[in-house]
């Protein structure tokens, strides 16, 4: 019975070591990828951004009160 417990303990320790090494490897690969992207030169935009604001024009004209209210004098 003692041997079975030892095998289980060794197996769990092995799984812990393998998962830790895998996590460190993936972290190192991700850092290398991010550094490679950050070191890449940026291309300047070929078109200068611009904004156009369209404002409607309003014309105010005098109103002839006699024409708007027929029958009132």
PDB file of N, CA and C in Angstrom:
ATOM      1  N   UNK A   1       0.821  -1.189   0.000  1.00  0.00           N
ATOM      2  CA  UNK A   1       0.000   0.000   0.000  1.00  0.00           C
ATOM      3  C   UNK A   1       0.871   1.262   0.000  1.00  0.00           C
ATOM      4  N   UNK A   2       2.007   1.205   0.661  1.00  0.00           N
ATOM      5  CA  UNK A   2       2.894   2.363   0.705  1.00  0.00           C
ATOM      6  C   UNK A   2       3.420   2.680  -0.685  1.00  0.00           C
ATOM      7  N   UNK A   3       3.680   1.632  -1.481  1.00  0.00           N
ATOM      8  CA  UNK A   3       4.204   1.851  -2.811  1.00  0.00           C
ATOM      9  C   UNK A   3       3.189   2.575  -3.690  1.00  0.00           C
ATOM     10  N   UNK A   4       1.940   2.282  -3.578  1.00  0.00           N
ATOM     11  CA  UNK A   4       0.912   2.943  -4.367  1.00  0.00           C
ATOM     12  C   UNK A   4       0.830   4.420  -4.012  1.00  0.00           C
ATOM     13  N   UNK A   5       0.937   4.758  -2.758  1.00  0.00           N
ATOM     14  CA  UNK A   5       0.928   6.166  -2.346  1.00  0.00           C
ATOM     15  C   UNK A   5       2.144   6.904  -2.884  1.00  0.00           C
ATOM     16  N   UNK A   6       3.307   6.255  -2.891  1.00  0.00           N
ATOM     17  CA  UNK A   6       4.514   6.889  -3.415  1.00  0.00           C
ATOM     18  C   UNK A   6       4.390   7.150  -4.909  1.00  0.00           C
ATOM     19  N   UNK A   7       3.830   6.215  -5.629  1.00  0.00           N
ATOM     20  CA  UNK A   7       3.641   6.395  -7.064  1.00  0.00           C
ATOM     21  C   UNK A   7       2.702   7.566  -7.320  1.00  0.00           C
ATOM     22  N   UNK A   8       1.662   7.665  -6.537  1.00  0.00           N
ATOM     23  CA  UNK A   8       0.713   8.769  -6.696  1.00  0.00           C
ATOM     24  C   UNK A   8       1.376  10.111  -6.399  1.00  0.00           C
ATOM     25  N   UNK A   9       2.184  10.158  -5.366  1.00  0.00           N
ATOM     26  CA  UNK A   9       2.869  11.399  -5.002  1.00  0.00           C
ATOM     27  C   UNK A   9       3.861  11.791  -6.093  1.00  0.00           C
ATOM     28  N   UNK A  10       4.614  10.840  -6.616  1.00  0.00           N
ATOM     29  CA  UNK A  10       5.589  11.124  -7.667  1.00  0.00           C
ATOM     30  C   UNK A  10       4.869  11.581  -8.947  1.00  0.00           C
ATOM     31  N   UNK A  11       3.748  10.936  -9.247  1.00  0.00           N
ATOM     32  CA  UNK A  11       2.994  11.319 -10.444  1.00  0.00           C
ATOM     33  C   UNK A  11       2.457  12.743 -10.311  1.00  0.00           C
ATOM     34  N   UNK A  12       1.931  13.104  -9.163  1.00  0.00           N
ATOM     35  CA  UNK A  12       1.430  14.477  -8.960  1.00  0.00           C
ATOM     36  C   UNK A  12       2.571  15.490  -9.011  1.00  0.00           C
ATOM     37  N   UNK A  13       3.720  15.154  -8.467  1.00  0.00           N
ATOM     38  CA  UNK A  13       4.872  16.054  -8.523  1.00  0.00           C
ATOM     39  C   UNK A  13       5.318  16.247  -9.973  1.00  0.00           C
ATOM     40  N   UNK A  14       5.339  15.150 -10.746  1.00  0.00           N
ATOM     41  CA  UNK A  14       5.710  15.233 -12.164  1.00  0.00           C
ATOM     42  C   UNK A  14       4.731  16.120 -12.933  1.00  0.00           C
ATOM     43  N   UNK A  15       3.440  15.951 -12.676  1.00  0.00           N
ATOM     44  CA  UNK A  15       2.431  16.779 -13.339  1.00  0.00           C
ATOM     45  C   UNK A  15       2.619  18.256 -12.991  1.00  0.00           C
ATOM     46  N   UNK A  16       2.953  18.536 -11.728  1.00  0.00           N
ATOM     47  CA  UNK A  16       3.195  19.925 -11.316  1.00  0.00           C
ATOM     48  C   UNK A  16       4.400  20.525 -12.014  1.00  0.00           C
ATOM     49  N   UNK A  17       5.472  19.736 -12.145  1.00  0.00           N
ATOM     50  CA  UNK A  17       6.682  20.232 -12.806  1.00  0.00           C
ATOM     51  C   UNK A  17       6.410  20.476 -14.289  1.00  0.00           C
ATOM     52  N   UNK A  18       5.719  19.534 -14.928  1.00  0.00           N
ATOM     53  CA  UNK A  18       5.444  19.671 -16.357  1.00  0.00           C
ATOM     54  C   UNK A  18       4.543  20.879 -16.618  1.00  0.00           C
ATOM     55  N   UNK A  19       3.519  21.068 -15.799  1.00  0.00           N
ATOM     56  CA  UNK A  19       2.631  22.216 -16.012  1.00  0.00           C
ATOM     57  C   UNK A  19       3.357  23.531 -15.748  1.00  0.00           C
ATOM     58  N   UNK A  20       4.244  23.564 -14.773  1.00  0.00           N
ATOM     59  CA  UNK A  20       5.003  24.793 -14.495  1.00  0.00           C
ATOM     60  C   UNK A  20       5.950  25.130 -15.648  1.00  0.00           C
ATOM     61  N   UNK A  21       6.642  24.121 -16.165  1.00  0.00           N
ATOM     62  CA  UNK A  21       7.550  24.347 -17.290  1.00  0.00           C
ATOM     63  C   UNK A  21       6.766  24.786 -18.515  1.00  0.00           C
ATOM     64  N   UNK A  22       5.609  24.180 -18.751  1.00  0.00           N
ATOM     65  CA  UNK A  22       4.775  24.575 -19.892  1.00  0.00           C
ATOM     66  C   UNK A  22       4.299  26.018 -19.763  1.00  0.00           C
ATOM     67  N   UNK A  23       3.880  26.399 -18.563  1.00  0.00           N
ATOM     68  CA  UNK A  23       3.412  27.772 -18.347  1.00  0.00           C
ATOM     69  C   UNK A  23       4.543  28.770 -18.568  1.00  0.00           C
ATOM     70  N   UNK A  24       5.731  28.458 -18.078  1.00  0.00           N
ATOM     71  CA  UNK A  24       6.868  29.361 -18.277  1.00  0.00           C
ATOM     72  C   UNK A  24       7.262  29.449 -19.747  1.00  0.00           C
ATOM     73  N   UNK A  25       7.188  28.330 -20.460  1.00  0.00           N
ATOM     74  CA  UNK A  25       7.512  28.339 -21.888  1.00  0.00           C
ATOM     75  C   UNK A  25       6.514  29.182 -22.670  1.00  0.00           C
ATOM     76  N   UNK A  26       5.227  28.995 -22.395  1.00  0.00           N
ATOM     77  CA  UNK A  26       4.212  29.798 -23.087  1.00  0.00           C
ATOM     78  C   UNK A  26       4.359  31.282 -22.762  1.00  0.00           C
ATOM     79  N   UNK A  27       4.682  31.604 -21.521  1.00  0.00           N
ATOM     80  CA  UNK A  27       4.878  33.009 -21.145  1.00  0.00           C
ATOM     81  C   UNK A  27       6.071  33.607 -21.894  1.00  0.00           C
ATOM     82  N   UNK A  28       7.152  32.856 -21.997  1.00  0.00           N
ATOM     83  CA  UNK A  28       8.332  33.355 -22.715  1.00  0.00           C
ATOM     84  C   UNK A  28       8.021  33.554 -24.196  1.00  0.00           C
ATOM     85  N   UNK A  29       7.281  32.623 -24.784  1.00  0.00           N
ATOM     86  CA  UNK A  29       6.914  32.774 -26.196  1.00  0.00           C
ATOM     87  C   UNK A  29       6.012  33.986 -26.411  1.00  0.00           C
ATOM     88  N   UNK A  30       5.076  34.211 -25.513  1.00  0.00           N
ATOM     89  CA  UNK A  30       4.193  35.378 -25.640  1.00  0.00           C
ATOM     90  C   UNK A  30       4.992  36.679 -25.506  1.00  0.00           C
ATOM     91  N   UNK A  31       5.921  36.726 -24.569  1.00  0.00           N
ATOM     92  CA  UNK A  31       6.743  37.931 -24.414  1.00  0.00           C
ATOM     93  C   UNK A  31       7.602  38.176 -25.649  1.00  0.00           C
ATOM     94  N   UNK A  32       8.130  37.117 -26.236  1.00  0.00           N
ATOM     95  CA  UNK A  32       8.934  37.281 -27.446  1.00  0.00           C
ATOM     96  C   UNK A  32       8.084  37.804 -28.598  1.00  0.00           C
ATOM     97  N   UNK A  33       6.848  37.332 -28.697  1.00  0.00           N
ATOM     98  CA  UNK A  33       5.949  37.786 -29.753  1.00  0.00           C
ATOM     99  C   UNK A  33       5.587  39.251 -29.567  1.00  0.00           C
ATOM    100  N   UNK A  34       5.284  39.641 -28.346  1.00  0.00           N
ATOM    101  CA  UNK A  34       4.918  41.033 -28.073  1.00  0.00           C
ATOM    102  C   UNK A  34       6.089  41.952 -28.337  1.00  0.00           C
ATOM    103  N   UNK A  35       7.283  41.570 -27.946  1.00  0.00           N
ATOM    104  CA  UNK A  35       8.462  42.393 -28.195  1.00  0.00           C
ATOM    105  C   UNK A  35       8.731  42.524 -29.686  1.00  0.00           C
ATOM    106  N   UNK A  36       8.497  41.473 -30.450  1.00  0.00           N
ATOM    107  CA  UNK A  36       8.720  41.542 -31.894  1.00  0.00           C
ATOM    108  C   UNK A  36       7.731  42.504 -32.542  1.00  0.00           C
ATOM    109  N   UNK A  37       6.496  42.500 -32.078  1.00  0.00           N
ATOM    110  CA  UNK A  37       5.507  43.408 -32.643  1.00  0.00           C
ATOM    111  C   UNK A  37       5.791  44.850 -32.233  1.00  0.00           C
ATOM    112  N   UNK A  38       6.264  45.062 -31.015  1.00  0.00           N
ATOM    113  CA  UNK A  38       6.547  46.417 -30.557  1.00  0.00           C
ATOM    114  C   UNK A  38       7.762  46.993 -31.271  1.00  0.00           C
ATOM    115  N   UNK A  39       8.693  46.151 -31.664  1.00  0.00           N
ATOM    116  CA  UNK A  39       9.904  46.627 -32.317  1.00  0.00           C
ATOM    117  C   UNK A  39       9.687  46.901 -33.799  1.00  0.00           C
ATOM    118  N   UNK A  40       8.592  46.437 -34.357  1.00  0.00           N
ATOM    119  CA  UNK A  40       8.329  46.642 -35.781  1.00  0.00           C
ATOM    120  C   UNK A  40       8.075  48.126 -36.047  1.00  0.00           C
ATOM    121  N   UNK A  41       8.643  48.661 -37.133  1.00  0.00           N
ATOM    122  CA  UNK A  41       8.422  50.086 -37.429  1.00  0.00           C
ATOM    123  C   UNK A  41       6.979  50.350 -37.850  1.00  0.00           C
ATOM    124  N   UNK A  42       6.480  51.474 -37.435  1.00  0.00           N
ATOM    125  CA  UNK A  42       5.126  51.865 -37.797  1.00  0.00           C
ATOM    126  C   UNK A  42       5.150  52.631 -39.112  1.00  0.00           C
ATOM    127  N   UNK A  43       4.142  52.400 -39.920  1.00  0.00           N
ATOM    128  CA  UNK A  43       4.028  53.131 -41.163  1.00  0.00           C
ATOM    129  C   UNK A  43       3.163  54.357 -40.941  1.00  0.00           C
ATOM    130  N   UNK A  44       3.646  55.491 -41.451  1.00  0.00           N
ATOM    131  CA  UNK A  44       2.887  56.727 -41.329  1.00  0.00           C
ATOM    132  C   UNK A  44       1.666  56.651 -42.245  1.00  0.00           C
ATOM    133  N   UNK A  45       0.541  57.168 -41.811  1.00  0.00           N
ATOM    134  CA  UNK A  45      -0.641  57.138 -42.682  1.00  0.00           C
ATOM    135  C   UNK A  45      -0.408  57.991 -43.927  1.00  0.00           C
ATOM    136  N   UNK A  46      -0.848  57.488 -45.077  1.00  0.00           N
ATOM    137  CA  UNK A  46      -0.626  58.205 -46.324  1.00  0.00           C
ATOM    138  C   UNK A  46      -1.636  59.332 -46.515  1.00  0.00           C
ATOM    139  N   UNK A  47      -2.754  59.260 -45.812  1.00  0.00           N
ATOM    140  CA  UNK A  47      -3.790  60.283 -45.936  1.00  0.00           C
ATOM    141  C   UNK A  47      -3.888  61.029 -44.611  1.00  0.00           C
ATOM    142  N   UNK A  48      -3.872  62.351 -44.688  1.00  0.00           N
ATOM    143  CA  UNK A  48      -4.023  63.148 -43.491  1.00  0.00           C
ATOM    144  C   UNK A  48      -5.498  63.195 -43.103  1.00  0.00           C
ATOM    145  N   UNK A  49      -5.821  62.812 -41.880  1.00  0.00           N
ATOM    146  CA  UNK A  49      -7.222  62.832 -41.493  1.00  0.00           C
ATOM    147  C   UNK A  49      -7.772  64.253 -41.445  1.00  0.00           C
ATOM    148  N   UNK A  50      -9.019  64.414 -41.835  1.00  0.00           N
ATOM    149  CA  UNK A  50      -9.644  65.729 -41.792  1.00  0.00           C
ATOM    150  C   UNK A  50     -11.115  65.571 -41.415  1.00  0.00           C
ATOM    151  N   UNK A  51     -11.684  66.623 -40.899  1.00  0.00           N
ATOM    152  CA  UNK A  51     -13.082  66.630 -40.488  1.00  0.00           C
ATOM    153  C   UNK A  51     -13.771  67.793 -41.184  1.00  0.00           C
ATOM    154  N   UNK A  52     -14.927  67.538 -41.758  1.00  0.00           N
ATOM    155  CA  UNK A  52     -15.712  68.581 -42.409  1.00  0.00           C
ATOM    156  C   UNK A  52     -17.021  68.721 -41.662  1.00  0.00           C
ATOM    157  N   UNK A  53     -17.345  69.940 -41.265  1.00  0.00           N
ATOM    158  CA  UNK A  53     -18.594  70.208 -40.555  1.00  0.00           C
ATOM    159  C   UNK A  53     -19.482  71.033 -41.476  1.00  0.00           C
ATOM    160  N   UNK A  54     -20.635  70.498 -41.781  1.00  0.00           N
ATOM    161  CA  UNK A  54     -21.579  71.201 -42.641  1.00  0.00           C
ATOM    162  C   UNK A  54     -22.607  71.907 -41.757  1.00  0.00           C
ATOM    163  N   UNK A  55     -22.688  73.230 -41.899  1.00  0.00           N
ATOM    164  CA  UNK A  55     -23.617  74.023 -41.112  1.00  0.00           C
ATOM    165  C   UNK A  55     -24.691  74.563 -42.050  1.00  0.00           C
ATOM    166  N   UNK A  56     -25.954  74.283 -41.763  1.00  0.00           N
ATOM    167  CA  UNK A  56     -27.010  74.794 -42.648  1.00  0.00           C
ATOM    168  C   UNK A  56     -27.156  76.311 -42.497  1.00  0.00           C
ATOM    169  N   UNK A  57     -27.496  76.952 -43.587  1.00  0.00           N
ATOM    170  CA  UNK A  57     -27.713  78.400 -43.541  1.00  0.00           C
ATOM    171  C   UNK A  57     -29.207  78.665 -43.367  1.00  0.00           C
ATOM    172  N   UNK A  58     -29.511  79.687 -42.626  1.00  0.00           N
ATOM    173  CA  UNK A  58     -30.898  80.059 -42.357  1.00  0.00           C
ATOM    174  C   UNK A  58     -31.109  81.487 -42.859  1.00  0.00           C
ATOM    175  N   UNK A  59     -32.168  81.669 -43.623  1.00  0.00           N
ATOM    176  CA  UNK A  59     -32.512  83.006 -44.126  1.00  0.00           C
ATOM    177  C   UNK A  59     -33.784  83.459 -43.426  1.00  0.00           C
ATOM    178  N   UNK A  60     -33.724  84.620 -42.817  1.00  0.00           N
ATOM    179  CA  UNK A  60     -34.890  85.177 -42.125  1.00  0.00           C
ATOM    180  C   UNK A  60     -35.481  86.268 -43.008  1.00  0.00           C
ATOM    181  N   UNK A  61     -36.733  86.086 -43.326  1.00  0.00           N
ATOM    182  CA  UNK A  61     -37.414  87.058 -44.177  1.00  0.00           C
ATOM    183  C   UNK A  61     -38.568  87.676 -43.399  1.00  0.00           C
ATOM    184  N   UNK A  62     -38.861  88.931 -43.654  1.00  0.00           N
ATOM    185  CA  UNK A  62     -39.997  89.555 -42.966  1.00  0.00           C
ATOM    186  C   UNK A  62     -41.314  88.944 -43.447  1.00  0.00           C
ATOM    187  N   UNK A  63     -42.248  88.842 -42.537  1.00  0.00           N
ATOM    188  CA  UNK A  63     -43.546  88.242 -42.850  1.00  0.00           C
ATOM    189  C   UNK A  63     -44.571  89.356 -43.003  1.00  0.00           C
ATOM    190  N   UNK A  64     -45.351  89.294 -44.067  1.00  0.00           N
ATOM    191  CA  UNK A  64     -46.432  90.252 -44.284  1.00  0.00           C
ATOM    192  C   UNK A  64     -47.646  89.746 -43.500  1.00  0.00           C
ATOM    193  N   UNK A  65     -48.002  90.430 -42.406  1.00  0.00           N
ATOM    194  CA  UNK A  65     -49.078  89.960 -41.530  1.00  0.00           C
ATOM    195  C   UNK A  65     -50.431  89.974 -42.227  1.00  0.00           C
ATOM    196  N   UNK A  66     -50.652  90.890 -43.146  1.00  0.00           N
ATOM    197  CA  UNK A  66     -51.933  90.949 -43.844  1.00  0.00           C
ATOM    198  C   UNK A  66     -52.138  89.714 -44.718  1.00  0.00           C
ATOM    199  N   UNK A  67     -51.095  89.196 -45.285  1.00  0.00           N
ATOM    200  CA  UNK A  67     -51.223  88.057 -46.178  1.00  0.00           C
ATOM    201  C   UNK A  67     -51.433  86.766 -45.400  1.00  0.00           C
ATOM    202  N   UNK A  68     -50.932  86.690 -44.168  1.00  0.00           N
ATOM    203  CA  UNK A  68     -51.051  85.439 -43.402  1.00  0.00           C
ATOM    204  C   UNK A  68     -52.397  85.285 -42.727  1.00  0.00           C
ATOM    205  N   UNK A  69     -53.084  86.396 -42.419  1.00  0.00           N
ATOM    206  CA  UNK A  69     -54.382  86.326 -41.753  1.00  0.00           C
ATOM    207  C   UNK A  69     -55.454  86.973 -42.612  1.00  0.00           C
ATOM    208  N   UNK A  70     -56.056  86.183 -43.516  1.00  0.00           N
ATOM    209  CA  UNK A  70     -57.082  86.779 -44.400  1.00  0.00           C
ATOM    210  C   UNK A  70     -58.329  87.167 -43.596  1.00  0.00           C
ATOM    211  N   UNK A  71     -58.897  88.287 -43.941  1.00  0.00           N
ATOM    212  CA  UNK A  71     -60.123  88.748 -43.290  1.00  0.00           C
ATOM    213  C   UNK A  71     -59.887  89.619 -42.074  1.00  0.00           C
ATOM    214  N   UNK A  72     -58.645  89.737 -41.608  1.00  0.00           N
ATOM    215  CA  UNK A  72     -58.365  90.571 -40.437  1.00  0.00           C
ATOM    216  C   UNK A  72     -57.764  91.858 -40.920  1.00  0.00           C
ATOM    217  N   UNK A  73     -58.345  93.036 -40.439  1.00  0.00           N
ATOM    218  CA  UNK A  73     -57.803  94.321 -40.863  1.00  0.00           C
ATOM    219  C   UNK A  73     -57.345  95.131 -39.716  1.00  0.00           C
TER     220      UNK A  73
END
